[in-house]
Amino acid sequence: MAAWMKSKLKANVVVFFAVVPLLLVTALVTVPCPVCDGTGSVNTTPNTDKVSILEMDSQEQPATRNACGVYTVYKYDVTIKLLNEGSEDAVGWLKMVLVNTLQAEGRNILDTQYVQMNVPAKSVVSNTYTVVFGIGLDLPHTEVRAEVVVGNVPDAACNGTGRIPMNALPFVNGLKDTFKDIVRVEQAYKPPVSIDWEAHGWAGY
């Protein structure tokens, strides 16, 4: 029995020291992101330059705080009426920005999120999005602003870097179509929570 246990323990140790370095290497080695093909951004159609925002209304939902009060998650229901004056459907992105209204322009941006849009040609549509922002402070004077993105938008799968860890490749590859999926504007698009704490200087909390 003792010999069998020693043999099993030795086998487990060998497996451990074989697998752990492999996992470490695949986590450190990066490969081009299959969603954006390594460019770091997802293309939008050129027709978005014909889209304008006619009306916008945002309703803040109850804020969520972590146990230590280090960060605050803001949730807004944003309703936007869009006009497409172009002769082709416009498929692209809206940039949602949470701002501190007490700070000067250019220094008041707290967090940014992107939501998808699809506006038929020569039409007006109204969409409601649920947008989640995260900041390191609990501020009483915040509001959401929006703009139509003309050009490209950072790829959420790789955070705009164009590369992902090798061990994440099977997962991202399997969900590539999901990342690229364009949701019709008649339906509410609820993006995953994506909070860039490091960009706000709170990565150490």
N, C-alpha and C. Protein backbone atom coordinates (compact mmCIF):
# COMPACT_ATOMS: atom_id res chain seq x y z
N MET A 1 0.84 -1.22 0.00
CA MET A 1 0.00 0.00 0.00
C MET A 1 0.87 1.26 0.00
N ALA A 2 1.92 1.24 0.83
CA ALA A 2 2.81 2.40 0.91
C ALA A 2 3.49 2.66 -0.42
N ALA A 3 3.91 1.59 -1.09
CA ALA A 3 4.57 1.74 -2.40
C ALA A 3 3.60 2.31 -3.42
N TRP A 4 2.34 1.85 -3.36
CA TRP A 4 1.33 2.36 -4.31
C TRP A 4 1.08 3.83 -4.09
N MET A 5 0.97 4.25 -2.82
CA MET A 5 0.74 5.65 -2.50
C MET A 5 1.92 6.52 -2.93
N LYS A 6 3.13 6.00 -2.71
CA LYS A 6 4.31 6.75 -3.13
C LYS A 6 4.33 6.92 -4.64
N SER A 7 3.95 5.86 -5.35
CA SER A 7 3.92 5.91 -6.81
C SER A 7 2.89 6.93 -7.30
N LYS A 8 1.72 6.93 -6.64
CA LYS A 8 0.67 7.87 -7.03
C LYS A 8 1.07 9.30 -6.73
N LEU A 9 1.69 9.51 -5.56
CA LEU A 9 2.16 10.85 -5.20
C LEU A 9 3.20 11.35 -6.18
N LYS A 10 4.10 10.46 -6.57
CA LYS A 10 5.14 10.84 -7.53
C LYS A 10 4.52 11.22 -8.87
N ALA A 11 3.50 10.45 -9.30
CA ALA A 11 2.82 10.75 -10.57
C ALA A 11 2.13 12.10 -10.50
N ASN A 12 1.50 12.40 -9.35
CA ASN A 12 0.80 13.69 -9.19
C ASN A 12 1.78 14.85 -9.23
N VAL A 13 2.94 14.66 -8.60
CA VAL A 13 3.97 15.70 -8.60
C VAL A 13 4.47 15.96 -10.01
N VAL A 14 4.67 14.89 -10.78
CA VAL A 14 5.13 15.02 -12.17
C VAL A 14 4.10 15.78 -13.00
N VAL A 15 2.82 15.41 -12.83
CA VAL A 15 1.75 16.08 -13.57
C VAL A 15 1.69 17.55 -13.20
N PHE A 16 1.79 17.83 -11.89
CA PHE A 16 1.73 19.21 -11.41
C PHE A 16 2.82 20.06 -12.04
N PHE A 17 4.05 19.57 -11.98
CA PHE A 17 5.17 20.35 -12.51
C PHE A 17 5.20 20.38 -14.04
N ALA A 18 4.40 19.53 -14.67
CA ALA A 18 4.31 19.57 -16.13
C ALA A 18 3.21 20.52 -16.58
N VAL A 19 2.09 20.52 -15.84
CA VAL A 19 0.93 21.32 -16.24
C VAL A 19 1.06 22.79 -15.85
N VAL A 20 1.51 23.05 -14.61
CA VAL A 20 1.59 24.43 -14.13
C VAL A 20 2.47 25.31 -15.02
N PRO A 21 3.68 24.89 -15.37
CA PRO A 21 4.48 25.74 -16.28
C PRO A 21 3.80 25.96 -17.62
N LEU A 22 3.09 24.92 -18.10
CA LEU A 22 2.39 25.06 -19.38
C LEU A 22 1.29 26.11 -19.28
N LEU A 23 0.53 26.08 -18.17
CA LEU A 23 -0.52 27.07 -17.97
C LEU A 23 0.07 28.47 -17.85
N LEU A 24 1.18 28.56 -17.16
CA LEU A 24 1.84 29.85 -16.99
C LEU A 24 2.31 30.42 -18.32
N VAL A 25 2.91 29.56 -19.12
CA VAL A 25 3.42 30.00 -20.42
C VAL A 25 2.27 30.45 -21.33
N THR A 26 1.19 29.67 -21.35
CA THR A 26 0.06 30.04 -22.23
C THR A 26 -0.65 31.29 -21.75
N ALA A 27 -0.50 31.62 -20.47
CA ALA A 27 -1.10 32.85 -19.96
C ALA A 27 -0.25 34.06 -20.29
N LEU A 28 1.08 33.85 -20.36
CA LEU A 28 2.00 34.95 -20.63
C LEU A 28 2.18 35.20 -22.12
N VAL A 29 2.11 34.15 -22.91
CA VAL A 29 2.29 34.29 -24.36
C VAL A 29 0.98 34.77 -24.97
N THR A 30 1.06 35.79 -25.80
CA THR A 30 -0.14 36.34 -26.44
C THR A 30 -0.17 36.01 -27.93
N VAL A 31 -1.38 35.99 -28.46
CA VAL A 31 -1.60 35.71 -29.89
C VAL A 31 -2.57 36.75 -30.44
N PRO A 32 -2.60 36.96 -31.76
CA PRO A 32 -3.54 37.93 -32.33
C PRO A 32 -4.98 37.58 -31.99
N CYS A 33 -5.75 38.59 -31.65
CA CYS A 33 -7.16 38.39 -31.31
C CYS A 33 -7.95 38.00 -32.56
N PRO A 34 -8.72 36.91 -32.52
CA PRO A 34 -9.47 36.47 -33.70
C PRO A 34 -10.68 37.35 -34.01
N VAL A 35 -11.11 38.14 -33.05
CA VAL A 35 -12.28 39.00 -33.28
C VAL A 35 -11.93 40.18 -34.19
N CYS A 36 -10.79 40.82 -33.89
CA CYS A 36 -10.39 42.00 -34.67
C CYS A 36 -9.22 41.70 -35.60
N ASP A 37 -8.81 40.41 -35.66
CA ASP A 37 -7.67 40.01 -36.49
C ASP A 37 -6.39 40.75 -36.11
N GLY A 38 -6.25 41.06 -34.83
CA GLY A 38 -5.03 41.68 -34.34
C GLY A 38 -4.94 43.18 -34.51
N THR A 39 -6.00 43.80 -35.00
CA THR A 39 -5.95 45.25 -35.22
C THR A 39 -6.29 46.04 -33.96
N GLY A 40 -7.00 45.43 -33.03
CA GLY A 40 -7.39 46.12 -31.80
C GLY A 40 -8.70 46.89 -31.90
N SER A 41 -9.31 46.90 -33.09
CA SER A 41 -10.56 47.63 -33.26
C SER A 41 -11.51 46.87 -34.18
N VAL A 42 -12.79 47.14 -33.99
CA VAL A 42 -13.83 46.53 -34.81
C VAL A 42 -14.35 47.58 -35.78
N ASN A 43 -14.42 47.20 -37.03
CA ASN A 43 -14.83 48.16 -38.05
C ASN A 43 -16.32 48.47 -37.98
N THR A 44 -16.66 49.70 -38.29
CA THR A 44 -18.05 50.09 -38.46
C THR A 44 -18.24 50.52 -39.90
N THR A 45 -19.48 50.60 -40.34
CA THR A 45 -19.73 51.01 -41.72
C THR A 45 -19.56 52.51 -41.86
N PRO A 46 -19.18 52.98 -43.05
CA PRO A 46 -19.02 54.42 -43.25
C PRO A 46 -20.33 55.18 -43.19
N ASN A 47 -21.45 54.46 -43.22
CA ASN A 47 -22.76 55.13 -43.22
C ASN A 47 -23.11 55.77 -41.89
N THR A 48 -22.31 55.52 -40.85
CA THR A 48 -22.63 56.10 -39.56
C THR A 48 -22.49 57.62 -39.53
N ASP A 49 -21.78 58.19 -40.50
CA ASP A 49 -21.65 59.64 -40.53
C ASP A 49 -22.94 60.33 -40.93
N LYS A 50 -23.93 59.56 -41.34
CA LYS A 50 -25.24 60.12 -41.70
C LYS A 50 -26.23 60.03 -40.54
N VAL A 51 -25.77 59.48 -39.41
CA VAL A 51 -26.65 59.29 -38.26
C VAL A 51 -26.45 60.41 -37.25
N SER A 52 -27.54 60.92 -36.71
CA SER A 52 -27.47 61.97 -35.69
C SER A 52 -28.43 61.63 -34.55
N ILE A 53 -28.14 62.18 -33.39
CA ILE A 53 -28.97 61.97 -32.20
C ILE A 53 -29.99 63.10 -32.11
N LEU A 54 -31.27 62.76 -32.17
CA LEU A 54 -32.33 63.75 -32.08
C LEU A 54 -32.72 64.04 -30.64
N GLU A 55 -32.86 62.98 -29.85
CA GLU A 55 -33.25 63.14 -28.45
C GLU A 55 -32.52 62.10 -27.61
N MET A 56 -32.32 62.44 -26.33
CA MET A 56 -31.67 61.49 -25.42
C MET A 56 -32.20 61.71 -24.01
N ASP A 57 -32.49 60.61 -23.33
CA ASP A 57 -32.94 60.68 -21.95
C ASP A 57 -32.29 59.55 -21.17
N SER A 58 -31.75 59.84 -19.99
CA SER A 58 -31.09 58.81 -19.19
C SER A 58 -31.67 58.79 -17.78
N GLN A 59 -31.91 57.59 -17.28
CA GLN A 59 -32.43 57.40 -15.93
C GLN A 59 -31.44 56.57 -15.13
N GLU A 60 -30.92 57.14 -14.06
CA GLU A 60 -29.95 56.42 -13.23
C GLU A 60 -30.66 55.42 -12.33
N GLN A 61 -30.10 54.20 -12.29
CA GLN A 61 -30.60 53.17 -11.39
C GLN A 61 -29.77 53.19 -10.10
N PRO A 62 -30.23 52.52 -9.04
CA PRO A 62 -29.46 52.52 -7.78
C PRO A 62 -28.01 52.10 -7.98
N ALA A 63 -27.08 52.84 -7.40
CA ALA A 63 -25.65 52.55 -7.54
C ALA A 63 -25.26 51.35 -6.68
N THR A 64 -24.22 50.64 -7.12
CA THR A 64 -23.70 49.48 -6.39
C THR A 64 -22.30 49.80 -5.92
N ARG A 65 -22.02 49.53 -4.67
CA ARG A 65 -20.69 49.78 -4.11
C ARG A 65 -20.09 48.49 -3.57
N ASN A 66 -18.77 48.40 -3.60
CA ASN A 66 -18.15 47.21 -3.02
C ASN A 66 -18.13 47.34 -1.49
N ALA A 67 -17.74 46.27 -0.83
CA ALA A 67 -17.84 46.22 0.63
C ALA A 67 -17.02 47.31 1.31
N CYS A 68 -15.90 47.68 0.75
CA CYS A 68 -15.02 48.67 1.38
C CYS A 68 -15.29 50.09 0.88
N GLY A 69 -16.23 50.23 -0.04
CA GLY A 69 -16.53 51.55 -0.57
C GLY A 69 -15.46 52.09 -1.49
N VAL A 70 -14.64 51.19 -2.06
CA VAL A 70 -13.53 51.63 -2.91
C VAL A 70 -14.01 52.03 -4.29
N TYR A 71 -15.01 51.36 -4.83
CA TYR A 71 -15.49 51.71 -6.16
C TYR A 71 -17.02 51.75 -6.19
N THR A 72 -17.53 52.42 -7.21
CA THR A 72 -18.97 52.54 -7.41
C THR A 72 -19.32 52.14 -8.83
N VAL A 73 -20.35 51.33 -8.97
CA VAL A 73 -20.85 50.94 -10.29
C VAL A 73 -22.15 51.69 -10.54
N TYR A 74 -22.16 52.47 -11.62
CA TYR A 74 -23.34 53.24 -12.01
C TYR A 74 -24.07 52.52 -13.14
N LYS A 75 -25.38 52.45 -13.02
CA LYS A 75 -26.20 51.79 -14.04
C LYS A 75 -27.25 52.77 -14.53
N TYR A 76 -27.29 52.97 -15.84
CA TYR A 76 -28.22 53.91 -16.46
C TYR A 76 -29.06 53.21 -17.53
N ASP A 77 -30.32 53.56 -17.59
CA ASP A 77 -31.16 53.21 -18.73
C ASP A 77 -31.19 54.43 -19.63
N VAL A 78 -30.63 54.28 -20.83
CA VAL A 78 -30.49 55.41 -21.74
C VAL A 78 -31.37 55.20 -22.97
N THR A 79 -32.28 56.13 -23.21
CA THR A 79 -33.16 56.08 -24.38
C THR A 79 -32.70 57.15 -25.37
N ILE A 80 -32.43 56.72 -26.59
CA ILE A 80 -31.92 57.63 -27.62
C ILE A 80 -32.75 57.51 -28.89
N LYS A 81 -33.11 58.66 -29.46
CA LYS A 81 -33.79 58.68 -30.76
C LYS A 81 -32.76 59.05 -31.83
N LEU A 82 -32.62 58.18 -32.83
CA LEU A 82 -31.60 58.34 -33.87
C LEU A 82 -32.22 58.59 -35.23
N LEU A 83 -31.59 59.45 -35.99
CA LEU A 83 -32.02 59.74 -37.36
C LEU A 83 -30.92 59.34 -38.33
N ASN A 84 -31.29 58.54 -39.34
CA ASN A 84 -30.35 58.18 -40.41
C ASN A 84 -30.81 58.86 -41.69
N GLU A 85 -30.07 59.87 -42.11
CA GLU A 85 -30.42 60.62 -43.32
C GLU A 85 -29.83 59.99 -44.57
N GLY A 86 -29.04 58.94 -44.40
CA GLY A 86 -28.40 58.30 -45.54
C GLY A 86 -29.33 57.38 -46.29
N SER A 87 -28.91 56.96 -47.47
CA SER A 87 -29.69 56.07 -48.33
C SER A 87 -29.40 54.60 -48.07
N GLU A 88 -28.50 54.32 -47.10
CA GLU A 88 -28.16 52.95 -46.72
C GLU A 88 -28.29 52.78 -45.22
N ASP A 89 -28.55 51.53 -44.80
CA ASP A 89 -28.61 51.24 -43.37
C ASP A 89 -27.28 51.55 -42.71
N ALA A 90 -27.34 52.07 -41.49
CA ALA A 90 -26.13 52.41 -40.75
C ALA A 90 -25.97 51.46 -39.57
N VAL A 91 -24.93 50.64 -39.63
CA VAL A 91 -24.63 49.69 -38.55
C VAL A 91 -23.34 50.13 -37.89
N GLY A 92 -23.38 50.40 -36.60
CA GLY A 92 -22.18 50.88 -35.94
C GLY A 92 -22.32 50.95 -34.44
N TRP A 93 -21.74 52.01 -33.87
CA TRP A 93 -21.63 52.10 -32.41
C TRP A 93 -22.00 53.48 -31.89
N LEU A 94 -22.52 53.49 -30.68
CA LEU A 94 -22.73 54.72 -29.93
C LEU A 94 -21.75 54.73 -28.76
N LYS A 95 -21.11 55.85 -28.55
CA LYS A 95 -20.18 56.00 -27.44
C LYS A 95 -20.91 56.65 -26.28
N MET A 96 -21.01 55.93 -25.16
CA MET A 96 -21.65 56.45 -23.96
C MET A 96 -20.57 56.86 -22.96
N VAL A 97 -20.66 58.09 -22.48
CA VAL A 97 -19.64 58.62 -21.58
C VAL A 97 -20.29 59.10 -20.29
N LEU A 98 -19.77 58.63 -19.16
CA LEU A 98 -20.20 59.13 -17.85
C LEU A 98 -19.29 60.28 -17.47
N VAL A 99 -19.85 61.45 -17.18
CA VAL A 99 -19.05 62.63 -16.87
C VAL A 99 -19.40 63.20 -15.51
N ASN A 100 -18.43 63.89 -14.94
CA ASN A 100 -18.63 64.66 -13.71
C ASN A 100 -18.97 66.08 -14.14
N THR A 101 -20.20 66.50 -13.89
CA THR A 101 -20.67 67.79 -14.39
C THR A 101 -20.00 68.98 -13.70
N LEU A 102 -19.29 68.73 -12.60
CA LEU A 102 -18.64 69.83 -11.87
C LEU A 102 -17.22 70.10 -12.37
N GLN A 103 -16.73 69.23 -13.25
CA GLN A 103 -15.38 69.42 -13.76
C GLN A 103 -15.41 70.00 -15.17
N ALA A 104 -14.29 70.59 -15.58
CA ALA A 104 -14.18 71.23 -16.89
C ALA A 104 -14.16 70.19 -18.00
N GLU A 105 -14.61 70.60 -19.18
CA GLU A 105 -14.61 69.73 -20.35
C GLU A 105 -13.19 69.24 -20.63
N GLY A 106 -13.10 67.95 -20.98
CA GLY A 106 -11.81 67.36 -21.26
C GLY A 106 -11.20 66.69 -20.05
N ARG A 107 -11.64 67.09 -18.86
CA ARG A 107 -11.13 66.50 -17.63
C ARG A 107 -12.25 65.84 -16.83
N ASN A 108 -13.45 65.83 -17.40
CA ASN A 108 -14.62 65.37 -16.65
C ASN A 108 -15.07 63.95 -16.98
N ILE A 109 -14.35 63.25 -17.86
CA ILE A 109 -14.76 61.90 -18.26
C ILE A 109 -14.38 60.90 -17.17
N LEU A 110 -15.38 60.14 -16.70
CA LEU A 110 -15.17 59.16 -15.64
C LEU A 110 -15.04 57.75 -16.20
N ASP A 111 -15.85 57.40 -17.19
CA ASP A 111 -15.79 56.07 -17.79
C ASP A 111 -16.49 56.11 -19.14
N THR A 112 -16.12 55.19 -20.03
CA THR A 112 -16.69 55.14 -21.37
C THR A 112 -17.12 53.72 -21.71
N GLN A 113 -18.29 53.58 -22.30
CA GLN A 113 -18.78 52.29 -22.77
C GLN A 113 -19.32 52.47 -24.20
N TYR A 114 -19.41 51.35 -24.93
CA TYR A 114 -19.91 51.38 -26.30
C TYR A 114 -21.12 50.46 -26.42
N VAL A 115 -22.13 50.92 -27.16
CA VAL A 115 -23.30 50.08 -27.44
C VAL A 115 -23.53 50.09 -28.95
N GLN A 116 -24.17 49.04 -29.44
CA GLN A 116 -24.34 48.86 -30.87
C GLN A 116 -25.63 49.51 -31.37
N MET A 117 -25.62 49.89 -32.64
CA MET A 117 -26.81 50.47 -33.25
C MET A 117 -26.96 49.96 -34.68
N ASN A 118 -28.19 49.93 -35.13
CA ASN A 118 -28.50 49.55 -36.51
C ASN A 118 -29.71 50.38 -36.92
N VAL A 119 -29.47 51.43 -37.70
CA VAL A 119 -30.53 52.35 -38.06
C VAL A 119 -30.83 52.23 -39.56
N PRO A 120 -32.05 51.80 -39.91
CA PRO A 120 -32.40 51.67 -41.33
C PRO A 120 -32.29 53.01 -42.07
N ALA A 121 -32.09 52.92 -43.38
CA ALA A 121 -31.95 54.12 -44.20
C ALA A 121 -33.20 54.98 -44.14
N LYS A 122 -32.98 56.30 -44.14
CA LYS A 122 -34.07 57.28 -44.19
C LYS A 122 -35.13 57.02 -43.12
N SER A 123 -34.69 56.79 -41.90
CA SER A 123 -35.65 56.48 -40.84
C SER A 123 -35.20 57.05 -39.50
N VAL A 124 -36.17 57.08 -38.58
CA VAL A 124 -35.92 57.50 -37.20
C VAL A 124 -36.29 56.33 -36.30
N VAL A 125 -35.40 55.94 -35.39
CA VAL A 125 -35.68 54.85 -34.46
C VAL A 125 -35.35 55.30 -33.05
N SER A 126 -36.02 54.70 -32.10
CA SER A 126 -35.78 54.98 -30.69
C SER A 126 -35.30 53.70 -30.02
N ASN A 127 -34.18 53.78 -29.32
CA ASN A 127 -33.59 52.62 -28.67
C ASN A 127 -33.38 52.87 -27.19
N THR A 128 -33.49 51.81 -26.40
CA THR A 128 -33.19 51.90 -24.97
C THR A 128 -32.05 50.94 -24.66
N TYR A 129 -31.00 51.46 -24.05
CA TYR A 129 -29.84 50.67 -23.69
C TYR A 129 -29.66 50.69 -22.17
N THR A 130 -29.20 49.59 -21.63
CA THR A 130 -28.78 49.55 -20.22
C THR A 130 -27.26 49.61 -20.21
N VAL A 131 -26.71 50.68 -19.65
CA VAL A 131 -25.27 50.91 -19.69
C VAL A 131 -24.72 50.93 -18.27
N VAL A 132 -23.61 50.23 -18.07
CA VAL A 132 -22.99 50.13 -16.75
C VAL A 132 -21.62 50.79 -16.78
N PHE A 133 -21.38 51.70 -15.83
CA PHE A 133 -20.10 52.39 -15.71
C PHE A 133 -19.49 52.06 -14.35
N GLY A 134 -18.18 52.15 -14.26
CA GLY A 134 -17.51 51.93 -12.98
C GLY A 134 -16.44 52.97 -12.74
N ILE A 135 -16.45 53.57 -11.55
CA ILE A 135 -15.43 54.56 -11.20
C ILE A 135 -14.98 54.30 -9.77
N GLY A 136 -13.91 54.96 -9.36
CA GLY A 136 -13.37 54.75 -8.03
C GLY A 136 -13.90 55.68 -6.98
N LEU A 137 -14.87 56.51 -7.36
CA LEU A 137 -15.42 57.47 -6.41
C LEU A 137 -16.94 57.46 -6.48
N ASP A 138 -17.57 57.86 -5.39
CA ASP A 138 -19.02 58.01 -5.36
C ASP A 138 -19.33 59.48 -5.54
N LEU A 139 -19.67 59.87 -6.75
CA LEU A 139 -19.88 61.29 -7.06
C LEU A 139 -21.36 61.60 -7.22
N PRO A 140 -21.84 62.68 -6.63
CA PRO A 140 -23.27 63.01 -6.71
C PRO A 140 -23.68 63.72 -8.01
N HIS A 141 -22.71 64.27 -8.72
CA HIS A 141 -23.04 65.06 -9.92
C HIS A 141 -22.50 64.38 -11.18
N THR A 142 -23.24 63.40 -11.66
CA THR A 142 -22.84 62.67 -12.87
C THR A 142 -23.98 62.68 -13.87
N GLU A 143 -23.62 62.54 -15.14
CA GLU A 143 -24.61 62.39 -16.19
C GLU A 143 -24.00 61.63 -17.35
N VAL A 144 -24.88 61.11 -18.22
CA VAL A 144 -24.44 60.35 -19.39
C VAL A 144 -24.58 61.20 -20.64
N ARG A 145 -23.55 61.18 -21.45
CA ARG A 145 -23.58 61.84 -22.75
C ARG A 145 -23.29 60.80 -23.83
N ALA A 146 -23.76 61.05 -25.02
CA ALA A 146 -23.62 60.06 -26.09
C ALA A 146 -23.20 60.73 -27.39
N GLU A 147 -22.52 59.97 -28.23
CA GLU A 147 -22.16 60.43 -29.56
C GLU A 147 -22.07 59.23 -30.50
N VAL A 148 -22.32 59.48 -31.76
CA VAL A 148 -22.22 58.44 -32.77
C VAL A 148 -20.75 58.25 -33.13
N VAL A 149 -20.30 57.01 -33.11
CA VAL A 149 -18.91 56.71 -33.46
C VAL A 149 -18.79 56.60 -34.98
N VAL A 150 -17.93 57.41 -35.55
CA VAL A 150 -17.65 57.35 -36.98
C VAL A 150 -16.25 56.77 -37.15
N GLY A 151 -16.15 55.58 -37.73
CA GLY A 151 -14.86 54.91 -37.86
C GLY A 151 -14.87 53.60 -37.11
N ASN A 152 -13.86 53.38 -36.29
CA ASN A 152 -13.71 52.11 -35.57
C ASN A 152 -13.94 52.28 -34.08
N VAL A 153 -14.17 51.18 -33.41
CA VAL A 153 -14.35 51.16 -31.96
C VAL A 153 -13.42 50.10 -31.38
N PRO A 154 -12.83 50.34 -30.20
CA PRO A 154 -11.93 49.33 -29.61
C PRO A 154 -12.62 47.99 -29.44
N ASP A 155 -11.88 46.92 -29.71
CA ASP A 155 -12.40 45.56 -29.58
C ASP A 155 -12.45 45.19 -28.10
N ALA A 156 -13.65 44.87 -27.59
CA ALA A 156 -13.82 44.53 -26.18
C ALA A 156 -13.15 43.21 -25.82
N ALA A 157 -13.00 42.32 -26.79
CA ALA A 157 -12.42 41.00 -26.50
C ALA A 157 -10.95 41.11 -26.09
N CYS A 158 -10.24 42.07 -26.65
CA CYS A 158 -8.82 42.23 -26.33
C CYS A 158 -8.52 43.59 -25.71
N ASN A 159 -9.59 44.34 -25.36
CA ASN A 159 -9.44 45.67 -24.79
C ASN A 159 -8.64 46.61 -25.69
N GLY A 160 -8.77 46.40 -27.00
CA GLY A 160 -8.12 47.31 -27.95
C GLY A 160 -6.65 47.05 -28.17
N THR A 161 -6.10 46.00 -27.57
CA THR A 161 -4.67 45.73 -27.73
C THR A 161 -4.35 44.93 -28.98
N GLY A 162 -5.34 44.19 -29.49
CA GLY A 162 -5.12 43.36 -30.67
C GLY A 162 -4.58 41.99 -30.34
N ARG A 163 -4.28 41.73 -29.06
CA ARG A 163 -3.72 40.44 -28.66
C ARG A 163 -4.40 39.93 -27.39
N ILE A 164 -4.48 38.61 -27.28
CA ILE A 164 -5.07 37.96 -26.12
C ILE A 164 -4.15 36.85 -25.63
N PRO A 165 -4.25 36.44 -24.35
CA PRO A 165 -3.43 35.31 -23.87
C PRO A 165 -3.74 34.04 -24.66
N MET A 166 -2.72 33.24 -24.89
CA MET A 166 -2.90 32.02 -25.68
C MET A 166 -3.94 31.10 -25.06
N ASN A 167 -4.00 31.04 -23.73
CA ASN A 167 -4.96 30.13 -23.10
C ASN A 167 -6.41 30.61 -23.23
N ALA A 168 -6.61 31.86 -23.65
CA ALA A 168 -7.96 32.38 -23.85
C ALA A 168 -8.43 32.22 -25.29
N LEU A 169 -7.53 31.78 -26.17
CA LEU A 169 -7.85 31.68 -27.59
C LEU A 169 -9.04 30.76 -27.88
N PRO A 170 -9.11 29.55 -27.30
CA PRO A 170 -10.27 28.69 -27.61
C PRO A 170 -11.59 29.34 -27.20
N PHE A 171 -11.60 30.01 -26.04
CA PHE A 171 -12.82 30.66 -25.57
C PHE A 171 -13.24 31.80 -26.50
N VAL A 172 -12.31 32.70 -26.81
CA VAL A 172 -12.62 33.84 -27.67
C VAL A 172 -12.98 33.38 -29.08
N ASN A 173 -12.26 32.36 -29.57
CA ASN A 173 -12.56 31.83 -30.90
C ASN A 173 -13.97 31.27 -30.96
N GLY A 174 -14.37 30.59 -29.89
CA GLY A 174 -15.70 30.00 -29.85
C GLY A 174 -16.81 31.04 -29.78
N LEU A 175 -16.49 32.21 -29.23
CA LEU A 175 -17.49 33.27 -29.09
C LEU A 175 -17.26 34.42 -30.06
N LYS A 176 -16.47 34.17 -31.10
CA LYS A 176 -16.13 35.23 -32.04
C LYS A 176 -17.38 35.84 -32.67
N ASP A 177 -18.30 34.98 -33.09
CA ASP A 177 -19.53 35.48 -33.71
C ASP A 177 -20.36 36.28 -32.72
N THR A 178 -20.32 35.88 -31.44
CA THR A 178 -21.07 36.61 -30.43
C THR A 178 -20.49 38.00 -30.23
N PHE A 179 -19.17 38.10 -30.20
CA PHE A 179 -18.54 39.40 -30.06
C PHE A 179 -18.88 40.31 -31.24
N LYS A 180 -19.01 39.73 -32.42
CA LYS A 180 -19.25 40.52 -33.61
C LYS A 180 -20.74 40.74 -33.90
N ASP A 181 -21.57 40.06 -33.15
CA ASP A 181 -23.01 40.09 -33.43
C ASP A 181 -23.57 41.51 -33.28
N ILE A 182 -24.33 41.91 -34.25
CA ILE A 182 -24.98 43.21 -34.22
C ILE A 182 -26.44 43.00 -33.83
N VAL A 183 -26.84 43.63 -32.74
CA VAL A 183 -28.20 43.49 -32.24
C VAL A 183 -29.08 44.59 -32.82
N ARG A 184 -30.26 44.19 -33.30
CA ARG A 184 -31.19 45.16 -33.88
C ARG A 184 -31.56 46.23 -32.85
N VAL A 185 -31.75 47.48 -33.32
CA VAL A 185 -32.02 48.57 -32.40
C VAL A 185 -33.40 48.48 -31.78
N GLU A 186 -34.28 47.66 -32.35
CA GLU A 186 -35.59 47.52 -31.75
C GLU A 186 -35.53 46.75 -30.43
N GLN A 187 -34.37 46.13 -30.16
CA GLN A 187 -34.19 45.37 -28.93
C GLN A 187 -33.16 46.08 -28.06
N ALA A 188 -33.34 46.02 -26.75
CA ALA A 188 -32.38 46.63 -25.84
C ALA A 188 -31.09 45.83 -25.85
N TYR A 189 -29.97 46.50 -26.02
CA TYR A 189 -28.67 45.82 -26.00
C TYR A 189 -28.05 46.00 -24.62
N LYS A 190 -27.77 44.89 -23.93
CA LYS A 190 -27.20 44.94 -22.59
C LYS A 190 -25.79 44.39 -22.64
N PRO A 191 -24.78 45.29 -22.71
CA PRO A 191 -23.40 44.84 -22.82
C PRO A 191 -22.88 44.31 -21.50
N PRO A 192 -21.83 43.46 -21.55
CA PRO A 192 -21.24 43.00 -20.29
C PRO A 192 -20.55 44.14 -19.58
N VAL A 193 -20.45 44.01 -18.24
CA VAL A 193 -19.77 45.05 -17.47
C VAL A 193 -18.30 45.06 -17.87
N SER A 194 -17.81 46.22 -18.26
CA SER A 194 -16.41 46.34 -18.67
C SER A 194 -15.84 47.58 -18.02
N ILE A 195 -15.13 47.40 -16.90
CA ILE A 195 -14.63 48.52 -16.12
C ILE A 195 -13.11 48.53 -16.18
N ASP A 196 -12.56 49.59 -16.71
CA ASP A 196 -11.11 49.71 -16.82
C ASP A 196 -10.60 50.46 -15.59
N TRP A 197 -10.41 49.73 -14.47
CA TRP A 197 -9.98 50.38 -13.23
C TRP A 197 -8.58 50.97 -13.37
N GLU A 198 -7.71 50.28 -14.11
CA GLU A 198 -6.33 50.74 -14.23
C GLU A 198 -6.25 52.10 -14.91
N ALA A 199 -7.15 52.32 -15.87
CA ALA A 199 -7.15 53.60 -16.58
C ALA A 199 -7.49 54.75 -15.65
N HIS A 200 -8.21 54.45 -14.58
CA HIS A 200 -8.58 55.49 -13.64
C HIS A 200 -7.64 55.58 -12.44
N GLY A 201 -6.59 54.74 -12.44
CA GLY A 201 -5.62 54.81 -11.38
C GLY A 201 -6.01 54.09 -10.11
N TRP A 202 -6.97 53.15 -10.21
CA TRP A 202 -7.43 52.46 -9.01
C TRP A 202 -7.15 50.96 -9.10
N ALA A 203 -6.17 50.58 -9.86
CA ALA A 203 -5.88 49.17 -10.05
C ALA A 203 -5.37 48.52 -8.78
N GLY A 204 -4.82 49.30 -7.88
CA GLY A 204 -4.23 48.71 -6.69
C GLY A 204 -5.20 48.44 -5.57
N TYR A 205 -6.47 48.81 -5.75
CA TYR A 205 -7.43 48.64 -4.66
C TYR A 205 -8.03 47.24 -4.67
